[in-house]
Amino acid sequence: MKAVLTVVVVTLLAAVSPASRADPPELFSYRGPCDASAAVALDAEHFVVGNDEDAVLRVYRRGQAMAVGRGLDLSRFLDVSAGDEVDIEAAARVGRRIYWISSHGRSSSGRKEESRRRFFATDIVDAADGRPPYLRTVGTPYTGLLRAMEKAPELRPYRLRDAARRAAEAAGGFNIEGLAATPDGGLLIGLRNPLPQRRALLVPLLNPAAVVAGEQAADLAQAIELDLAERGIRSIERVGPSYLIVAGPPADSGSFMLFRWSGAADDAPQALAGVDLQDLRPEALFAVPGSRLVQLLSDDGGVRSAGGGECKKLPRQQQGFRSLTLPLLPLEGR
């Protein structure tokens, strides 16, 4: 019988100081791809970003607009041709390793794109002389995750095979957008779509290290259903003993919310009150090490500039994404 995810239910940094509660949200714009969709903190000052459009991972220093250090072009490693979209959507850190996952969904027109079916890993490398940390690829990209999910007996009730044949954002389509570590070294795969019975799905992956090592196929456990107010998972991150979840619409229009979840399958996620996400479309979330701050990155590909054009259609030097840094908040009444 496969392991069931259990996590001790503890409040998320409940001892938030009055000073940190009063800290105003910090909005900052970074230069680079518009479609920031996956991010991981490398240390207290640096984070790495993946995006929807290309296969490059970029390292940023918090509060510095331009990417720094050594980026990592994954095109050859992932075996994708120029112009193909990898559609990197989520990442999760386990020790010094970062696991990355693409959407595994079809294009907006419903076209099947093999380049979007990748699960892979990088390791964090500390650079000398105070330079930013960088990444190196490890193992082998895995392309069999969707097939494993379609065939898994535990997931049959969700008819994922049918969902995967629809456009990613269509009603009942298939779209991965979240990834989070579990205490035992496994991962939780968060789905933006479908929403069976209006609930979001988390699919436990029990053996990620063996998968990227090429030693085993994906070992999946029973899905966890979460009530996120009829929203799918756009990002999920383990912060201390609990998880923070960015929930958003399965299609392109709709509002976003921030939830905290204990990690226990039977516990309901709780909406975090008093969080103003402004007009951001957050698709990446990470805790800032050594602080009580959380940083959210917005997928701004469709955001219109003052001149009226969408971000991703602007000249490369004018493109970028916004970031909102928030203090971690306890639940209302806690």
C-alpha atoms as a PDB file:
ATOM      1  CA  MET A   1       0.000   0.000   0.000  1.00  0.00           C
ATOM      2  CA  LYS A   2       1.508   3.322  -1.006  1.00  0.00           C
ATOM      3  CA  ALA A   3       2.389   5.898   1.584  1.00  0.00           C
ATOM      4  CA  VAL A   4      -0.198   8.536   2.373  1.00  0.00           C
ATOM      5  CA  LEU A   5       1.092  12.034   2.871  1.00  0.00           C
ATOM      6  CA  THR A   6       0.774  13.151   6.498  1.00  0.00           C
ATOM      7  CA  VAL A   7       2.180  16.326   7.935  1.00  0.00           C
ATOM      8  CA  VAL A   8       1.833  17.570  11.485  1.00  0.00           C
ATOM      9  CA  VAL A   9      -0.740  20.349  11.579  1.00  0.00           C
ATOM     10  CA  VAL A  10       1.067  23.402  12.932  1.00  0.00           C
ATOM     11  CA  THR A  11       0.309  27.050  12.272  1.00  0.00           C
ATOM     12  CA  LEU A  12       2.489  28.613   9.593  1.00  0.00           C
ATOM     13  CA  LEU A  13       4.999  30.796  11.425  1.00  0.00           C
ATOM     14  CA  ALA A  14       2.268  31.751  13.878  1.00  0.00           C
ATOM     15  CA  ALA A  15       4.745  33.834  15.844  1.00  0.00           C
ATOM     16  CA  VAL A  16       4.739  36.566  13.227  1.00  0.00           C
ATOM     17  CA  SER A  17       5.908  39.729  14.989  1.00  0.00           C
ATOM     18  CA  PRO A  18       3.765  42.882  15.030  1.00  0.00           C
ATOM     19  CA  ALA A  19       6.511  44.624  13.084  1.00  0.00           C
ATOM     20  CA  SER A  20       6.431  42.095  10.249  1.00  0.00           C
ATOM     21  CA  ARG A  21       2.629  42.302  10.143  1.00  0.00           C
ATOM     22  CA  ALA A  22       2.969  46.026   9.531  1.00  0.00           C
ATOM     23  CA  ASP A  23       5.486  45.692   6.714  1.00  0.00           C
ATOM     24  CA  PRO A  24       3.870  46.937   3.504  1.00  0.00           C
ATOM     25  CA  PRO A  25       3.858  44.706   0.426  1.00  0.00           C
ATOM     26  CA  GLU A  26       6.816  45.425  -1.830  1.00  0.00           C
ATOM     27  CA  LEU A  27       6.150  45.575  -5.575  1.00  0.00           C
ATOM     28  CA  PHE A  28       9.193  45.365  -7.843  1.00  0.00           C
ATOM     29  CA  SER A  29       9.714  44.829 -11.584  1.00  0.00           C
ATOM     30  CA  TYR A  30      12.407  42.542 -12.979  1.00  0.00           C
ATOM     31  CA  ARG A  31      13.705  42.567 -16.547  1.00  0.00           C
ATOM     32  CA  GLY A  32      13.611  39.373 -18.570  1.00  0.00           C
ATOM     33  CA  PRO A  33      10.826  37.056 -19.708  1.00  0.00           C
ATOM     34  CA  CYS A  34       7.251  38.270 -19.190  1.00  0.00           C
ATOM     35  CA  ASP A  35       5.962  34.810 -18.309  1.00  0.00           C
ATOM     36  CA  ALA A  36       7.607  34.095 -14.961  1.00  0.00           C
ATOM     37  CA  SER A  37       5.988  30.813 -13.974  1.00  0.00           C
ATOM     38  CA  ALA A  38       8.423  28.909 -11.722  1.00  0.00           C
ATOM     39  CA  ALA A  39      10.918  30.102  -9.128  1.00  0.00           C
ATOM     40  CA  VAL A  40      13.051  28.818  -6.264  1.00  0.00           C
ATOM     41  CA  ALA A  41      15.131  30.671  -3.678  1.00  0.00           C
ATOM     42  CA  LEU A  42      18.826  29.778  -3.998  1.00  0.00           C
ATOM     43  CA  ASP A  43      19.832  31.680  -0.862  1.00  0.00           C
ATOM     44  CA  ALA A  44      18.668  34.754   1.045  1.00  0.00           C
ATOM     45  CA  GLU A  45      19.640  37.065  -1.826  1.00  0.00           C
ATOM     46  CA  HIS A  46      19.206  35.056  -5.040  1.00  0.00           C
ATOM     47  CA  PHE A  47      16.435  33.160  -6.790  1.00  0.00           C
ATOM     48  CA  VAL A  48      16.118  31.337 -10.099  1.00  0.00           C
ATOM     49  CA  VAL A  49      13.224  31.743 -12.537  1.00  0.00           C
ATOM     50  CA  GLY A  50      11.813  29.516 -15.254  1.00  0.00           C
ATOM     51  CA  ASN A  51       9.232  30.730 -17.758  1.00  0.00           C
ATOM     52  CA  ASP A  52       6.641  29.625 -20.296  1.00  0.00           C
ATOM     53  CA  GLU A  53       8.350  30.772 -23.462  1.00  0.00           C
ATOM     54  CA  ASP A  54      11.961  29.575 -23.557  1.00  0.00           C
ATOM     55  CA  ALA A  55      14.167  26.923 -21.982  1.00  0.00           C
ATOM     56  CA  VAL A  56      16.458  29.279 -20.068  1.00  0.00           C
ATOM     57  CA  LEU A  57      16.726  29.428 -16.272  1.00  0.00           C
ATOM     58  CA  ARG A  58      17.770  32.886 -15.064  1.00  0.00           C
ATOM     59  CA  VAL A  59      19.261  33.848 -11.709  1.00  0.00           C
ATOM     60  CA  TYR A  60      18.240  37.137 -10.070  1.00  0.00           C
ATOM     61  CA  ARG A  61      19.332  39.051  -7.009  1.00  0.00           C
ATOM     62  CA  ARG A  62      16.381  40.277  -4.969  1.00  0.00           C
ATOM     63  CA  GLY A  63      15.769  43.954  -5.655  1.00  0.00           C
ATOM     64  CA  GLN A  64      18.025  44.062  -8.742  1.00  0.00           C
ATOM     65  CA  ALA A  65      16.156  44.310 -12.034  1.00  0.00           C
ATOM     66  CA  MET A  66      18.520  42.473 -14.384  1.00  0.00           C
ATOM     67  CA  ALA A  67      19.466  38.792 -14.205  1.00  0.00           C
ATOM     68  CA  VAL A  68      22.874  38.123 -12.665  1.00  0.00           C
ATOM     69  CA  GLY A  69      25.464  35.387 -12.856  1.00  0.00           C
ATOM     70  CA  ARG A  70      25.245  32.338 -15.058  1.00  0.00           C
ATOM     71  CA  GLY A  71      21.918  31.472 -16.609  1.00  0.00           C
ATOM     72  CA  LEU A  72      21.302  27.942 -17.840  1.00  0.00           C
ATOM     73  CA  ASP A  73      20.030  27.185 -21.352  1.00  0.00           C
ATOM     74  CA  LEU A  74      18.301  23.805 -21.201  1.00  0.00           C
ATOM     75  CA  SER A  75      17.487  23.403 -24.905  1.00  0.00           C
ATOM     76  CA  ARG A  76      20.060  20.691 -25.594  1.00  0.00           C
ATOM     77  CA  PHE A  77      19.549  18.932 -22.261  1.00  0.00           C
ATOM     78  CA  LEU A  78      15.784  18.800 -22.780  1.00  0.00           C
ATOM     79  CA  ASP A  79      16.163  17.901 -26.467  1.00  0.00           C
ATOM     80  CA  VAL A  80      13.911  20.661 -27.753  1.00  0.00           C
ATOM     81  CA  SER A  81      14.288  22.473 -31.044  1.00  0.00           C
ATOM     82  CA  ALA A  82      14.546  26.227 -31.440  1.00  0.00           C
ATOM     83  CA  GLY A  83      11.074  27.745 -31.285  1.00  0.00           C
ATOM     84  CA  ASP A  84       9.549  24.859 -29.299  1.00  0.00           C
ATOM     85  CA  GLU A  85       7.936  25.795 -25.984  1.00  0.00           C
ATOM     86  CA  VAL A  86       8.998  23.779 -22.959  1.00  0.00           C
ATOM     87  CA  ASP A  87       6.346  25.597 -20.912  1.00  0.00           C
ATOM     88  CA  ILE A  88       8.161  25.323 -17.573  1.00  0.00           C
ATOM     89  CA  GLU A  89       5.468  25.842 -14.962  1.00  0.00           C
ATOM     90  CA  ALA A  90       6.745  24.869 -11.517  1.00  0.00           C
ATOM     91  CA  ALA A  91       9.759  23.978  -9.414  1.00  0.00           C
ATOM     92  CA  ALA A  92      10.480  22.527  -5.971  1.00  0.00           C
ATOM     93  CA  ARG A  93      13.683  22.394  -3.968  1.00  0.00           C
ATOM     94  CA  VAL A  94      14.795  19.292  -2.053  1.00  0.00           C
ATOM     95  CA  GLY A  95      18.131  19.935  -0.370  1.00  0.00           C
ATOM     96  CA  ARG A  96      20.518  21.203  -3.040  1.00  0.00           C
ATOM     97  CA  ARG A  97      18.398  19.795  -5.848  1.00  0.00           C
ATOM     98  CA  ILE A  98      15.638  21.594  -7.738  1.00  0.00           C
ATOM     99  CA  TYR A  99      12.999  19.617  -9.610  1.00  0.00           C
ATOM    100  CA  TRP A 100      11.272  21.325 -12.533  1.00  0.00           C
ATOM    101  CA  ILE A 101       8.102  20.411 -14.383  1.00  0.00           C
ATOM    102  CA  SER A 102       6.433  21.623 -17.567  1.00  0.00           C
ATOM    103  CA  SER A 103       2.698  21.923 -18.107  1.00  0.00           C
ATOM    104  CA  HIS A 104       2.293  18.590 -19.929  1.00  0.00           C
ATOM    105  CA  GLY A 105      -0.733  20.261 -21.517  1.00  0.00           C
ATOM    106  CA  ARG A 106      -1.753  20.958 -25.080  1.00  0.00           C
ATOM    107  CA  SER A 107      -1.511  24.343 -26.736  1.00  0.00           C
ATOM    108  CA  SER A 108      -4.384  26.839 -26.726  1.00  0.00           C
ATOM    109  CA  SER A 109      -5.475  25.393 -30.070  1.00  0.00           C
ATOM    110  CA  GLY A 110      -5.443  21.853 -28.677  1.00  0.00           C
ATOM    111  CA  ARG A 111      -2.259  20.827 -30.496  1.00  0.00           C
ATOM    112  CA  LYS A 112      -0.127  18.138 -28.872  1.00  0.00           C
ATOM    113  CA  GLU A 113       3.425  19.359 -28.189  1.00  0.00           C
ATOM    114  CA  GLU A 114       5.937  16.802 -26.923  1.00  0.00           C
ATOM    115  CA  SER A 115       8.308  19.568 -25.822  1.00  0.00           C
ATOM    116  CA  ARG A 116       5.853  20.415 -23.029  1.00  0.00           C
ATOM    117  CA  ARG A 117       6.221  16.974 -21.462  1.00  0.00           C
ATOM    118  CA  ARG A 118       9.350  17.281 -19.339  1.00  0.00           C
ATOM    119  CA  PHE A 119      10.230  16.558 -15.721  1.00  0.00           C
ATOM    120  CA  PHE A 120      13.873  17.184 -14.860  1.00  0.00           C
ATOM    121  CA  ALA A 121      16.310  18.332 -12.196  1.00  0.00           C
ATOM    122  CA  THR A 122      19.189  20.703 -11.584  1.00  0.00           C
ATOM    123  CA  ASP A 123      21.604  20.990  -8.677  1.00  0.00           C
ATOM    124  CA  ILE A 124      22.632  24.236  -7.001  1.00  0.00           C
ATOM    125  CA  VAL A 125      26.341  25.053  -7.187  1.00  0.00           C
ATOM    126  CA  ASP A 126      27.940  27.695  -4.963  1.00  0.00           C
ATOM    127  CA  ALA A 127      30.274  29.956  -6.905  1.00  0.00           C
ATOM    128  CA  ALA A 128      33.584  31.272  -5.560  1.00  0.00           C
ATOM    129  CA  ASP A 129      34.538  34.852  -4.737  1.00  0.00           C
ATOM    130  CA  GLY A 130      31.041  35.920  -3.697  1.00  0.00           C
ATOM    131  CA  ARG A 131      29.525  35.387  -7.116  1.00  0.00           C
ATOM    132  CA  PRO A 132      25.891  34.234  -7.363  1.00  0.00           C
ATOM    133  CA  PRO A 133      25.147  30.521  -7.133  1.00  0.00           C
ATOM    134  CA  TYR A 134      24.391  28.771 -10.404  1.00  0.00           C
ATOM    135  CA  LEU A 135      22.766  25.545 -11.628  1.00  0.00           C
ATOM    136  CA  ARG A 136      23.918  22.422 -13.408  1.00  0.00           C
ATOM    137  CA  THR A 137      21.736  19.742 -14.926  1.00  0.00           C
ATOM    138  CA  VAL A 138      21.637  16.256 -13.419  1.00  0.00           C
ATOM    139  CA  GLY A 139      20.241  12.946 -14.563  1.00  0.00           C
ATOM    140  CA  THR A 140      17.939  12.580 -17.536  1.00  0.00           C
ATOM    141  CA  PRO A 141      14.750  14.478 -18.443  1.00  0.00           C
ATOM    142  CA  TYR A 142      11.708  12.276 -17.938  1.00  0.00           C
ATOM    143  CA  THR A 143       9.049  12.294 -20.638  1.00  0.00           C
ATOM    144  CA  GLY A 144       6.737   9.567 -19.335  1.00  0.00           C
ATOM    145  CA  LEU A 145       4.954  11.398 -16.536  1.00  0.00           C
ATOM    146  CA  LEU A 146       1.692  12.060 -18.360  1.00  0.00           C
ATOM    147  CA  ARG A 147       1.464   8.439 -19.496  1.00  0.00           C
ATOM    148  CA  ALA A 148       2.100   7.308 -15.931  1.00  0.00           C
ATOM    149  CA  MET A 149      -0.658   9.592 -14.654  1.00  0.00           C
ATOM    150  CA  GLU A 150      -3.092   8.378 -17.309  1.00  0.00           C
ATOM    151  CA  LYS A 151      -2.426   4.734 -16.412  1.00  0.00           C
ATOM    152  CA  ALA A 152      -2.160   4.956 -12.618  1.00  0.00           C
ATOM    153  CA  PRO A 153      -5.027   2.972 -11.025  1.00  0.00           C
ATOM    154  CA  GLU A 154      -5.252   5.551  -8.226  1.00  0.00           C
ATOM    155  CA  LEU A 155      -5.985   8.311 -10.737  1.00  0.00           C
ATOM    156  CA  ARG A 156      -8.492   6.543 -13.010  1.00  0.00           C
ATOM    157  CA  PRO A 157     -11.561   8.224 -11.477  1.00  0.00           C
ATOM    158  CA  TYR A 158     -10.312  11.565 -12.817  1.00  0.00           C
ATOM    159  CA  ARG A 159     -10.208  10.475 -16.460  1.00  0.00           C
ATOM    160  CA  LEU A 160      -6.907  12.258 -17.064  1.00  0.00           C
ATOM    161  CA  ARG A 161      -6.485  10.546 -20.414  1.00  0.00           C
ATOM    162  CA  ASP A 162      -9.553  12.385 -21.693  1.00  0.00           C
ATOM    163  CA  ALA A 163      -8.483  15.655 -20.063  1.00  0.00           C
ATOM    164  CA  ALA A 164      -5.062  15.481 -21.714  1.00  0.00           C
ATOM    165  CA  ARG A 165      -6.683  15.473 -25.144  1.00  0.00           C
ATOM    166  CA  ARG A 166      -8.206  18.913 -24.640  1.00  0.00           C
ATOM    167  CA  ALA A 167      -6.522  22.300 -24.741  1.00  0.00           C
ATOM    168  CA  ALA A 168      -4.815  23.035 -21.437  1.00  0.00           C
ATOM    169  CA  GLU A 169      -7.180  25.863 -20.475  1.00  0.00           C
ATOM    170  CA  ALA A 170     -10.357  24.385 -21.941  1.00  0.00           C
ATOM    171  CA  ALA A 171     -13.065  23.156 -19.601  1.00  0.00           C
ATOM    172  CA  GLY A 172     -11.867  19.823 -18.259  1.00  0.00           C
ATOM    173  CA  GLY A 173      -8.447  20.163 -19.906  1.00  0.00           C
ATOM    174  CA  PHE A 174      -5.120  19.099 -18.407  1.00  0.00           C
ATOM    175  CA  ASN A 175      -2.518  21.533 -17.092  1.00  0.00           C
ATOM    176  CA  ILE A 176       0.216  21.166 -14.443  1.00  0.00           C
ATOM    177  CA  GLU A 177       1.260  24.383 -12.697  1.00  0.00           C
ATOM    178  CA  GLY A 178       2.391  23.467  -9.177  1.00  0.00           C
ATOM    179  CA  LEU A 179       5.187  21.457  -7.586  1.00  0.00           C
ATOM    180  CA  ALA A 180       6.149  21.211  -3.922  1.00  0.00           C
ATOM    181  CA  ALA A 181       8.447  19.081  -1.790  1.00  0.00           C
ATOM    182  CA  THR A 182       7.179  16.731   0.901  1.00  0.00           C
ATOM    183  CA  PRO A 183       9.066  16.052   4.156  1.00  0.00           C
ATOM    184  CA  ASP A 184      10.162  12.606   2.953  1.00  0.00           C
ATOM    185  CA  GLY A 185      11.768  13.794  -0.290  1.00  0.00           C
ATOM    186  CA  GLY A 186       8.753  13.212  -2.509  1.00  0.00           C
ATOM    187  CA  LEU A 187       6.832  15.801  -4.502  1.00  0.00           C
ATOM    188  CA  LEU A 188       3.274  17.040  -4.856  1.00  0.00           C
ATOM    189  CA  ILE A 189       2.216  17.822  -8.438  1.00  0.00           C
ATOM    190  CA  GLY A 190      -0.442  20.540  -8.518  1.00  0.00           C
ATOM    191  CA  LEU A 191      -2.991  20.718 -11.323  1.00  0.00           C
ATOM    192  CA  ARG A 192      -4.498  23.945 -12.597  1.00  0.00           C
ATOM    193  CA  ASN A 193      -6.923  21.886 -14.650  1.00  0.00           C
ATOM    194  CA  PRO A 194      -9.118  19.781 -14.446  1.00  0.00           C
ATOM    195  CA  LEU A 195     -11.209  20.589 -11.361  1.00  0.00           C
ATOM    196  CA  PRO A 196     -13.236  17.442 -10.616  1.00  0.00           C
ATOM    197  CA  GLN A 197     -16.221  18.319  -8.442  1.00  0.00           C
ATOM    198  CA  ARG A 198     -14.786  21.879  -8.452  1.00  0.00           C
ATOM    199  CA  ARG A 199     -11.783  20.749  -6.425  1.00  0.00           C
ATOM    200  CA  ALA A 200      -8.097  21.123  -7.234  1.00  0.00           C
ATOM    201  CA  LEU A 201      -5.915  18.037  -7.488  1.00  0.00           C
ATOM    202  CA  LEU A 202      -2.524  17.281  -5.964  1.00  0.00           C
ATOM    203  CA  VAL A 203      -0.822  14.118  -7.221  1.00  0.00           C
ATOM    204  CA  PRO A 204       1.980  12.718  -4.997  1.00  0.00           C
ATOM    205  CA  LEU A 205       5.132  11.594  -6.830  1.00  0.00           C
ATOM    206  CA  LEU A 206       6.911   9.255  -4.441  1.00  0.00           C
ATOM    207  CA  ASN A 207      10.255   8.675  -6.199  1.00  0.00           C
ATOM    208  CA  PRO A 208      11.492  11.821  -7.995  1.00  0.00           C
ATOM    209  CA  ALA A 209      15.193  11.114  -7.418  1.00  0.00           C
ATOM    210  CA  ALA A 210      14.942   7.663  -9.005  1.00  0.00           C
ATOM    211  CA  VAL A 211      12.896   9.074 -11.897  1.00  0.00           C
ATOM    212  CA  VAL A 212      15.463  11.698 -12.918  1.00  0.00           C
ATOM    213  CA  ALA A 213      18.250   9.163 -12.398  1.00  0.00           C
ATOM    214  CA  GLY A 214      16.591   7.006 -15.053  1.00  0.00           C
ATOM    215  CA  GLU A 215      16.231   4.122 -12.600  1.00  0.00           C
ATOM    216  CA  GLN A 216      12.447   3.950 -12.205  1.00  0.00           C
ATOM    217  CA  ALA A 217       9.211   5.101 -13.781  1.00  0.00           C
ATOM    218  CA  ALA A 218       7.062   7.542 -11.844  1.00  0.00           C
ATOM    219  CA  ASP A 219       5.482   6.003  -8.732  1.00  0.00           C
ATOM    220  CA  LEU A 220       2.260   7.905  -8.064  1.00  0.00           C
ATOM    221  CA  ALA A 221      -0.089   7.788  -5.091  1.00  0.00           C
ATOM    222  CA  GLN A 222      -3.754   8.606  -4.629  1.00  0.00           C
ATOM    223  CA  ALA A 223      -4.613  12.208  -5.480  1.00  0.00           C
ATOM    224  CA  ILE A 224      -5.507  14.735  -2.806  1.00  0.00           C
ATOM    225  CA  GLU A 225      -8.560  16.902  -3.496  1.00  0.00           C
ATOM    226  CA  LEU A 226      -8.523  20.471  -2.184  1.00  0.00           C
ATOM    227  CA  ASP A 227     -11.332  23.017  -2.017  1.00  0.00           C
ATOM    228  CA  LEU A 228      -9.749  26.239  -3.286  1.00  0.00           C
ATOM    229  CA  ALA A 229     -12.965  28.127  -3.962  1.00  0.00           C
ATOM    230  CA  GLU A 230     -13.344  26.605  -7.442  1.00  0.00           C
ATOM    231  CA  ARG A 231      -9.789  27.517  -8.414  1.00  0.00           C
ATOM    232  CA  GLY A 232      -6.882  25.401  -9.590  1.00  0.00           C
ATOM    233  CA  ILE A 233      -3.329  25.347  -8.272  1.00  0.00           C
ATOM    234  CA  ARG A 234      -1.067  27.999  -9.791  1.00  0.00           C
ATOM    235  CA  SER A 235       1.796  27.550  -7.318  1.00  0.00           C
ATOM    236  CA  ILE A 236       2.438  25.618  -4.116  1.00  0.00           C
ATOM    237  CA  GLU A 237       5.361  25.824  -1.693  1.00  0.00           C
ATOM    238  CA  ARG A 238       6.161  24.065   1.568  1.00  0.00           C
ATOM    239  CA  VAL A 239       6.975  26.735   4.154  1.00  0.00           C
ATOM    240  CA  GLY A 240       7.946  25.242   7.489  1.00  0.00           C
ATOM    241  CA  PRO A 241       5.450  22.506   8.365  1.00  0.00           C
ATOM    242  CA  SER A 242       2.679  23.828   6.112  1.00  0.00           C
ATOM    243  CA  TYR A 243       2.057  24.775   2.493  1.00  0.00           C
ATOM    244  CA  LEU A 244       1.185  28.053   0.827  1.00  0.00           C
ATOM    245  CA  ILE A 245      -0.937  27.753  -2.301  1.00  0.00           C
ATOM    246  CA  VAL A 246      -1.648  30.326  -4.985  1.00  0.00           C
ATOM    247  CA  ALA A 247      -5.036  29.420  -6.429  1.00  0.00           C
ATOM    248  CA  GLY A 248      -6.308  30.787  -9.714  1.00  0.00           C
ATOM    249  CA  PRO A 249      -8.777  30.125 -12.508  1.00  0.00           C
ATOM    250  CA  PRO A 250      -8.313  27.048 -14.725  1.00  0.00           C
ATOM    251  CA  ALA A 251      -8.917  29.260 -17.752  1.00  0.00           C
ATOM    252  CA  ASP A 252      -7.318  32.620 -18.501  1.00  0.00           C
ATOM    253  CA  SER A 253      -9.784  34.917 -16.742  1.00  0.00           C
ATOM    254  CA  GLY A 254     -10.671  35.064 -13.081  1.00  0.00           C
ATOM    255  CA  SER A 255      -9.268  36.056  -9.709  1.00  0.00           C
ATOM    256  CA  PHE A 256      -6.465  34.689  -7.549  1.00  0.00           C
ATOM    257  CA  MET A 257      -6.344  33.791  -3.855  1.00  0.00           C
ATOM    258  CA  LEU A 258      -3.701  32.711  -1.358  1.00  0.00           C
ATOM    259  CA  PHE A 259      -4.329  29.689   0.882  1.00  0.00           C
ATOM    260  CA  ARG A 260      -2.520  27.905   3.653  1.00  0.00           C
ATOM    261  CA  TRP A 261      -2.822  24.114   3.928  1.00  0.00           C
ATOM    262  CA  SER A 262      -1.508  21.842   6.681  1.00  0.00           C
ATOM    263  CA  GLY A 263      -0.444  19.093   4.288  1.00  0.00           C
ATOM    264  CA  ALA A 264      -2.872  16.554   5.760  1.00  0.00           C
ATOM    265  CA  ALA A 265      -5.208  15.179   3.112  1.00  0.00           C
ATOM    266  CA  ASP A 266      -8.268  15.526   5.364  1.00  0.00           C
ATOM    267  CA  ASP A 267      -7.590  19.149   6.298  1.00  0.00           C
ATOM    268  CA  ALA A 268      -9.257  21.939   4.368  1.00  0.00           C
ATOM    269  CA  PRO A 269      -7.060  24.760   3.041  1.00  0.00           C
ATOM    270  CA  GLN A 270      -7.682  28.104   4.710  1.00  0.00           C
ATOM    271  CA  ALA A 271      -7.834  31.366   2.768  1.00  0.00           C
ATOM    272  CA  LEU A 272      -5.417  34.009   3.994  1.00  0.00           C
ATOM    273  CA  ALA A 273      -7.368  37.173   4.705  1.00  0.00           C
ATOM    274  CA  GLY A 274      -5.989  40.632   4.139  1.00  0.00           C
ATOM    275  CA  VAL A 275      -3.694  39.685   1.245  1.00  0.00           C
ATOM    276  CA  ASP A 276      -3.956  42.150  -1.633  1.00  0.00           C
ATOM    277  CA  LEU A 277      -2.583  40.564  -4.797  1.00  0.00           C
ATOM    278  CA  GLN A 278      -3.424  43.737  -6.699  1.00  0.00           C
ATOM    279  CA  ASP A 279      -3.686  43.015 -10.436  1.00  0.00           C
ATOM    280  CA  LEU A 280      -0.909  40.410 -10.435  1.00  0.00           C
ATOM    281  CA  ARG A 281      -1.329  36.959 -11.922  1.00  0.00           C
ATOM    282  CA  PRO A 282       0.977  35.062  -9.546  1.00  0.00           C
ATOM    283  CA  GLU A 283       2.306  31.760 -10.826  1.00  0.00           C
ATOM    284  CA  ALA A 284       5.462  31.360  -8.746  1.00  0.00           C
ATOM    285  CA  LEU A 285       5.907  31.507  -4.988  1.00  0.00           C
ATOM    286  CA  PHE A 286       8.838  31.020  -2.625  1.00  0.00           C
ATOM    287  CA  ALA A 287       9.783  31.855   0.937  1.00  0.00           C
ATOM    288  CA  VAL A 288      12.818  34.100   1.370  1.00  0.00           C
ATOM    289  CA  PRO A 289      15.355  32.168   3.489  1.00  0.00           C
ATOM    290  CA  GLY A 290      16.210  33.716   6.844  1.00  0.00           C
ATOM    291  CA  SER A 291      13.158  35.967   6.837  1.00  0.00           C
ATOM    292  CA  ARG A 292       9.398  35.954   7.303  1.00  0.00           C
ATOM    293  CA  LEU A 293       8.781  37.057   3.761  1.00  0.00           C
ATOM    294  CA  VAL A 294       7.182  35.367   0.785  1.00  0.00           C
ATOM    295  CA  GLN A 295       7.869  36.471  -2.775  1.00  0.00           C
ATOM    296  CA  LEU A 296       5.286  35.986  -5.531  1.00  0.00           C
ATOM    297  CA  LEU A 297       6.100  36.379  -9.222  1.00  0.00           C
ATOM    298  CA  SER A 298       3.488  37.371 -11.780  1.00  0.00           C
ATOM    299  CA  ASP A 299       3.037  35.828 -15.209  1.00  0.00           C
ATOM    300  CA  ASP A 300       2.717  39.123 -17.077  1.00  0.00           C
ATOM    301  CA  GLY A 301       2.737  37.811 -20.640  1.00  0.00           C
ATOM    302  CA  GLY A 302      -0.743  39.141 -21.331  1.00  0.00           C
ATOM    303  CA  VAL A 303      -0.423  42.347 -19.308  1.00  0.00           C
ATOM    304  CA  ARG A 304      -0.716  45.471 -21.421  1.00  0.00           C
ATOM    305  CA  SER A 305       1.853  48.226 -21.161  1.00  0.00           C
ATOM    306  CA  ALA A 306       1.101  51.942 -20.984  1.00  0.00           C
ATOM    307  CA  GLY A 307       1.392  51.971 -24.776  1.00  0.00           C
ATOM    308  CA  GLY A 308      -1.315  49.306 -25.075  1.00  0.00           C
ATOM    309  CA  GLY A 309       0.774  46.338 -26.240  1.00  0.00           C
ATOM    310  CA  GLU A 310       1.024  43.014 -24.423  1.00  0.00           C
ATOM    311  CA  CYS A 311       4.265  42.425 -22.550  1.00  0.00           C
ATOM    312  CA  LYS A 312       5.339  39.403 -24.584  1.00  0.00           C
ATOM    313  CA  LYS A 313       4.916  41.390 -27.808  1.00  0.00           C
ATOM    314  CA  LEU A 314       7.189  44.224 -26.665  1.00  0.00           C
ATOM    315  CA  PRO A 315      10.858  44.457 -27.718  1.00  0.00           C
ATOM    316  CA  ARG A 316      12.977  42.063 -25.655  1.00  0.00           C
ATOM    317  CA  GLN A 317      14.683  44.857 -23.703  1.00  0.00           C
ATOM    318  CA  GLN A 318      11.298  46.165 -22.524  1.00  0.00           C
ATOM    319  CA  GLN A 319       9.935  42.848 -21.278  1.00  0.00           C
ATOM    320  CA  GLY A 320       9.798  41.782 -17.659  1.00  0.00           C
ATOM    321  CA  PHE A 321       7.707  40.477 -14.791  1.00  0.00           C
ATOM    322  CA  ARG A 322       6.490  41.895 -11.507  1.00  0.00           C
ATOM    323  CA  SER A 323       7.180  40.597  -8.013  1.00  0.00           C
ATOM    324  CA  LEU A 324       5.211  41.117  -4.820  1.00  0.00           C
ATOM    325  CA  THR A 325       6.953  40.486  -1.491  1.00  0.00           C
ATOM    326  CA  LEU A 326       4.642  39.930   1.475  1.00  0.00           C
ATOM    327  CA  PRO A 327       5.098  39.202   5.180  1.00  0.00           C
ATOM    328  CA  LEU A 328       3.843  35.782   6.152  1.00  0.00           C
ATOM    329  CA  LEU A 329       0.451  36.235   7.756  1.00  0.00           C
ATOM    330  CA  PRO A 330      -1.316  33.999  10.290  1.00  0.00           C
ATOM    331  CA  LEU A 331      -4.872  32.942   9.680  1.00  0.00           C
ATOM    332  CA  GLU A 332      -7.566  35.380  10.720  1.00  0.00           C
ATOM    333  CA  GLY A 333      -8.378  34.847  14.368  1.00  0.00           C
ATOM    334  CA  ARG A 334      -5.130  32.952  15.107  1.00  0.00           C
END
